[in-house]
Amino acid sequence: MANAELIKRYVIFLVGLLFMGLGIALITKSTLGTSPISSVPYVVSLITPFTFGQLTFALSLVCILIEIAILRKDFTKDQYLQVFVGPFFGLFVDLGMFIFSFIHPDYYIEKLLCVVLGSIILALGVYLQVFAGVIMNPGEGVVKAIAAKLGKDFGTIKILFDWLLVIIALIISLGSLGVIEGVREGTLISAFLVGFFVKIFNRVFVKHVQMERWFAN
């Protein structure tokens, strides 16, 4: 792969991370819960002096360590590049929380709108990361490692992993705060909508590329 093409792919990946951070922040600002992958960092941020983004970075490191423990010798050198994903991801989550700090929805319809718009932005970020095809997000990397180890379908393990994070967030929230924070109907809605919109973006962009090639010929 040419250097220019590789740089382009990394730029696309970073833009994808930025959209992911913005989408997660907007969903969180809805006060109807946050995305499953962000549920634990968000709840812990409520009971510690660390920011949402800093704890997102910490979770990324934990995911990488789990990957290494599972794959061992099969954890290749290029996969260590995932270490650099965490800081950017955490930074973009905190940036999103800052950008959307003015949002304080009062009506339920406004809260739902935040969840939907946030899910669209998050889905675009996920799609761009997959499209770039350079580094795997640690949250996805650990799921892939577990799926490979158990010989199970990636999608099935992804659902189980997300639910595990949600359960952990619920336990931490109830144990430390006495109430449920970070996990509500918005968490379930976003979990469904993100996958739905990723499929839509894939169809739209694939058709766009096909049309460009057709006109070029």
Protein backbone atom coordinates (compact mmCIF):
# COMPACT_ATOMS: atom_id res chain seq x y z
CA MET A 1 0.00 0.00 0.00
CA ALA A 2 1.40 3.39 -1.02
CA ASN A 3 2.29 5.87 1.72
CA ALA A 4 -0.25 8.43 0.48
CA GLU A 5 -3.02 5.83 0.52
CA LEU A 6 -1.99 4.67 4.01
CA ILE A 7 -1.99 8.24 5.35
CA LYS A 8 -5.43 8.78 3.82
CA ARG A 9 -6.74 5.68 5.56
CA TYR A 10 -5.36 6.77 8.94
CA VAL A 11 -6.96 10.21 8.51
CA ILE A 12 -10.29 8.54 7.74
CA PHE A 13 -9.85 6.36 10.83
CA LEU A 14 -9.21 9.41 13.04
CA VAL A 15 -12.24 11.18 11.59
CA GLY A 16 -14.23 8.04 12.39
CA LEU A 17 -12.99 8.15 15.99
CA LEU A 18 -13.97 11.83 16.19
CA PHE A 19 -17.52 11.05 15.04
CA MET A 20 -17.68 8.17 17.53
CA GLY A 21 -16.71 10.49 20.37
CA LEU A 22 -19.24 13.12 19.29
CA GLY A 23 -22.00 10.54 18.88
CA ILE A 24 -21.39 8.97 22.29
CA ALA A 25 -21.36 12.41 23.92
CA LEU A 26 -24.65 13.44 22.29
CA ILE A 27 -26.35 10.19 23.31
CA THR A 28 -25.10 10.71 26.86
CA LYS A 29 -26.39 14.30 26.94
CA SER A 30 -29.88 12.95 26.27
CA THR A 31 -29.92 11.74 29.92
CA LEU A 32 -31.57 8.56 28.65
CA GLY A 33 -28.39 6.54 29.09
CA THR A 34 -25.23 6.18 27.07
CA SER A 35 -24.02 3.62 24.53
CA PRO A 36 -23.27 0.11 25.89
CA ILE A 37 -19.49 0.36 25.29
CA SER A 38 -19.43 3.67 27.20
CA SER A 39 -21.69 2.66 30.08
CA VAL A 40 -18.92 1.61 32.48
CA PRO A 41 -16.64 4.64 31.87
CA TYR A 42 -19.58 7.02 32.22
CA VAL A 43 -20.84 5.55 35.52
CA VAL A 44 -17.32 5.44 36.99
CA SER A 45 -16.81 9.09 35.93
CA LEU A 46 -19.76 9.99 38.19
CA ILE A 47 -18.05 8.61 41.30
CA THR A 48 -14.40 9.49 40.60
CA PRO A 49 -12.47 12.66 39.71
CA PHE A 50 -11.64 11.24 36.28
CA THR A 51 -13.39 12.44 33.13
CA PHE A 52 -15.60 10.37 30.87
CA GLY A 53 -12.90 10.45 28.18
CA GLN A 54 -10.06 9.49 30.52
CA LEU A 55 -11.99 6.44 31.69
CA THR A 56 -12.86 5.56 28.09
CA PHE A 57 -9.10 5.51 27.45
CA ALA A 58 -8.62 3.30 30.53
CA LEU A 59 -11.24 0.84 29.27
CA SER A 60 -9.44 0.70 25.91
CA LEU A 61 -6.22 -0.30 27.68
CA VAL A 62 -8.07 -2.99 29.64
CA CYS A 63 -9.50 -4.37 26.38
CA ILE A 64 -6.01 -4.52 24.85
CA LEU A 65 -4.64 -6.37 27.89
CA ILE A 66 -7.47 -8.89 27.63
CA GLU A 67 -6.69 -9.33 23.93
CA ILE A 68 -3.02 -10.01 24.72
CA ALA A 69 -3.95 -12.50 27.44
CA ILE A 70 -6.28 -14.36 25.07
CA LEU A 71 -4.23 -14.30 21.86
CA ARG A 72 -0.72 -14.42 23.38
CA LYS A 73 1.67 -15.21 20.50
CA ASP A 74 -1.12 -14.57 18.00
CA PHE A 75 -1.30 -10.94 19.12
CA THR A 76 0.80 -9.50 16.28
CA LYS A 77 3.01 -6.43 16.46
CA ASP A 78 0.74 -4.30 14.28
CA GLN A 79 -2.08 -4.85 16.79
CA TYR A 80 -0.11 -2.83 19.36
CA LEU A 81 -1.14 0.21 17.33
CA GLN A 82 -4.46 -0.10 19.17
CA VAL A 83 -2.67 1.51 22.13
CA PHE A 84 -2.73 4.80 20.22
CA VAL A 85 -6.47 4.56 19.61
CA GLY A 86 -7.40 4.93 23.29
CA PRO A 87 -5.99 8.45 23.89
CA PHE A 88 -7.64 9.84 20.76
CA PHE A 89 -10.94 8.12 21.51
CA GLY A 90 -10.95 9.43 25.08
CA LEU A 91 -10.01 12.92 23.90
CA PHE A 92 -12.83 12.96 21.35
CA VAL A 93 -15.38 11.81 23.94
CA ASP A 94 -14.38 14.67 26.26
CA LEU A 95 -14.37 17.05 23.29
CA GLY A 96 -17.89 15.93 22.43
CA MET A 97 -19.05 16.48 26.01
CA PHE A 98 -17.57 20.00 25.84
CA ILE A 99 -19.09 20.82 22.44
CA PHE A 100 -22.54 19.62 23.53
CA SER A 101 -22.29 21.10 27.04
CA PHE A 102 -25.05 23.58 26.12
CA ILE A 103 -27.53 20.77 25.51
CA HIS A 104 -29.92 20.14 28.40
CA PRO A 105 -33.08 18.59 26.93
CA ASP A 106 -36.19 19.00 29.08
CA TYR A 107 -38.87 17.29 27.00
CA TYR A 108 -38.79 13.58 26.34
CA ILE A 109 -39.04 14.07 22.58
CA GLU A 110 -35.92 16.26 22.72
CA LYS A 111 -34.10 13.55 24.64
CA LEU A 112 -35.11 10.94 22.07
CA LEU A 113 -33.93 13.25 19.29
CA CYS A 114 -30.50 13.46 20.95
CA VAL A 115 -30.33 9.65 21.08
CA VAL A 116 -31.27 9.30 17.41
CA LEU A 117 -28.90 12.02 16.16
CA GLY A 118 -26.12 10.72 18.41
CA SER A 119 -26.66 7.18 17.08
CA ILE A 120 -26.42 8.43 13.49
CA ILE A 121 -23.14 10.24 14.23
CA LEU A 122 -21.78 7.23 16.13
CA ALA A 123 -22.76 4.88 13.29
CA LEU A 124 -20.94 7.09 10.78
CA GLY A 125 -17.85 6.91 12.98
CA VAL A 126 -18.04 3.13 13.19
CA TYR A 127 -18.49 2.86 9.42
CA LEU A 128 -15.50 5.13 8.69
CA GLN A 129 -13.28 3.06 11.00
CA VAL A 130 -14.26 -0.15 9.23
CA PHE A 131 -13.87 1.53 5.84
CA ALA A 132 -10.36 2.76 6.73
CA GLY A 133 -9.25 -0.80 7.47
CA VAL A 134 -6.06 0.10 9.34
CA ILE A 135 -6.48 -0.33 13.10
CA MET A 136 -9.21 -2.07 15.06
CA ASN A 137 -10.80 -0.21 17.94
CA PRO A 138 -9.82 -2.05 21.18
CA GLY A 139 -13.50 -2.50 22.04
CA GLU A 140 -14.00 -4.40 18.80
CA GLY A 141 -10.58 -6.05 18.97
CA VAL A 142 -11.30 -7.78 22.28
CA VAL A 143 -14.62 -9.07 20.91
CA LYS A 144 -12.83 -10.45 17.85
CA ALA A 145 -10.22 -12.14 20.08
CA ILE A 146 -12.88 -13.75 22.30
CA ALA A 147 -14.87 -14.89 19.26
CA ALA A 148 -11.76 -16.45 17.70
CA LYS A 149 -10.82 -18.18 20.95
CA LEU A 150 -14.29 -19.64 21.48
CA GLY A 151 -14.95 -20.28 17.79
CA LYS A 152 -18.15 -18.25 17.97
CA ASP A 153 -19.74 -15.65 15.69
CA PHE A 154 -18.40 -12.10 16.12
CA GLY A 155 -21.90 -10.60 16.20
CA THR A 156 -23.03 -12.96 18.96
CA ILE A 157 -19.99 -12.23 21.13
CA LYS A 158 -20.41 -8.50 20.46
CA ILE A 159 -23.95 -8.57 21.85
CA LEU A 160 -22.88 -10.60 24.91
CA PHE A 161 -19.90 -8.30 25.53
CA ASP A 162 -22.07 -5.17 25.33
CA TRP A 163 -24.57 -6.67 27.75
CA LEU A 164 -21.75 -7.61 30.12
CA LEU A 165 -20.60 -3.98 30.18
CA VAL A 166 -24.16 -2.80 30.78
CA ILE A 167 -24.56 -5.24 33.71
CA ILE A 168 -21.24 -4.11 35.22
CA ALA A 169 -22.34 -0.47 34.85
CA LEU A 170 -25.64 -1.27 36.58
CA ILE A 171 -23.87 -2.99 39.48
CA ILE A 172 -21.41 -0.10 39.93
CA SER A 173 -24.21 2.46 39.69
CA LEU A 174 -26.51 0.76 42.19
CA GLY A 175 -23.66 -0.11 44.55
CA SER A 176 -22.06 3.36 44.58
CA LEU A 177 -24.93 5.77 43.84
CA GLY A 178 -27.95 3.81 44.97
CA VAL A 179 -29.69 4.61 41.67
CA ILE A 180 -29.32 3.60 38.04
CA GLU A 181 -27.23 6.05 36.01
CA GLY A 182 -25.96 5.77 32.44
CA VAL A 183 -28.18 2.84 31.51
CA ARG A 184 -31.71 3.53 30.37
CA GLU A 185 -33.91 3.10 27.33
CA GLY A 186 -31.52 5.29 25.34
CA THR A 187 -28.86 2.60 25.77
CA LEU A 188 -31.08 -0.02 24.16
CA ILE A 189 -32.29 2.35 21.45
CA SER A 190 -28.74 3.37 20.50
CA ALA A 191 -27.58 -0.26 20.49
CA PHE A 192 -30.23 -1.02 17.86
CA LEU A 193 -29.96 2.21 15.85
CA VAL A 194 -26.16 2.22 15.50
CA GLY A 195 -26.14 -1.16 13.77
CA PHE A 196 -29.10 -0.11 11.63
CA PHE A 197 -27.46 3.13 10.46
CA VAL A 198 -24.09 1.45 9.84
CA LYS A 199 -25.86 -0.80 7.33
CA ILE A 200 -27.48 2.25 5.70
CA PHE A 201 -24.15 4.10 5.42
CA ASN A 202 -22.59 1.00 3.89
CA ARG A 203 -25.30 0.79 1.23
CA VAL A 204 -25.17 4.51 0.46
CA PHE A 205 -21.40 4.71 0.15
CA VAL A 206 -21.13 1.49 -1.86
CA LYS A 207 -23.68 2.82 -4.36
CA HIS A 208 -21.84 6.17 -4.48
CA VAL A 209 -18.54 4.46 -5.31
CA GLN A 210 -20.24 2.31 -7.96
CA MET A 211 -21.77 5.42 -9.57
CA GLU A 212 -18.39 7.22 -9.59
CA ARG A 213 -16.78 4.23 -11.33
CA TRP A 214 -19.64 4.07 -13.86
CA PHE A 215 -19.30 7.77 -14.80
CA ALA A 216 -15.50 7.45 -14.90
CA ASN A 217 -15.88 4.75 -17.55
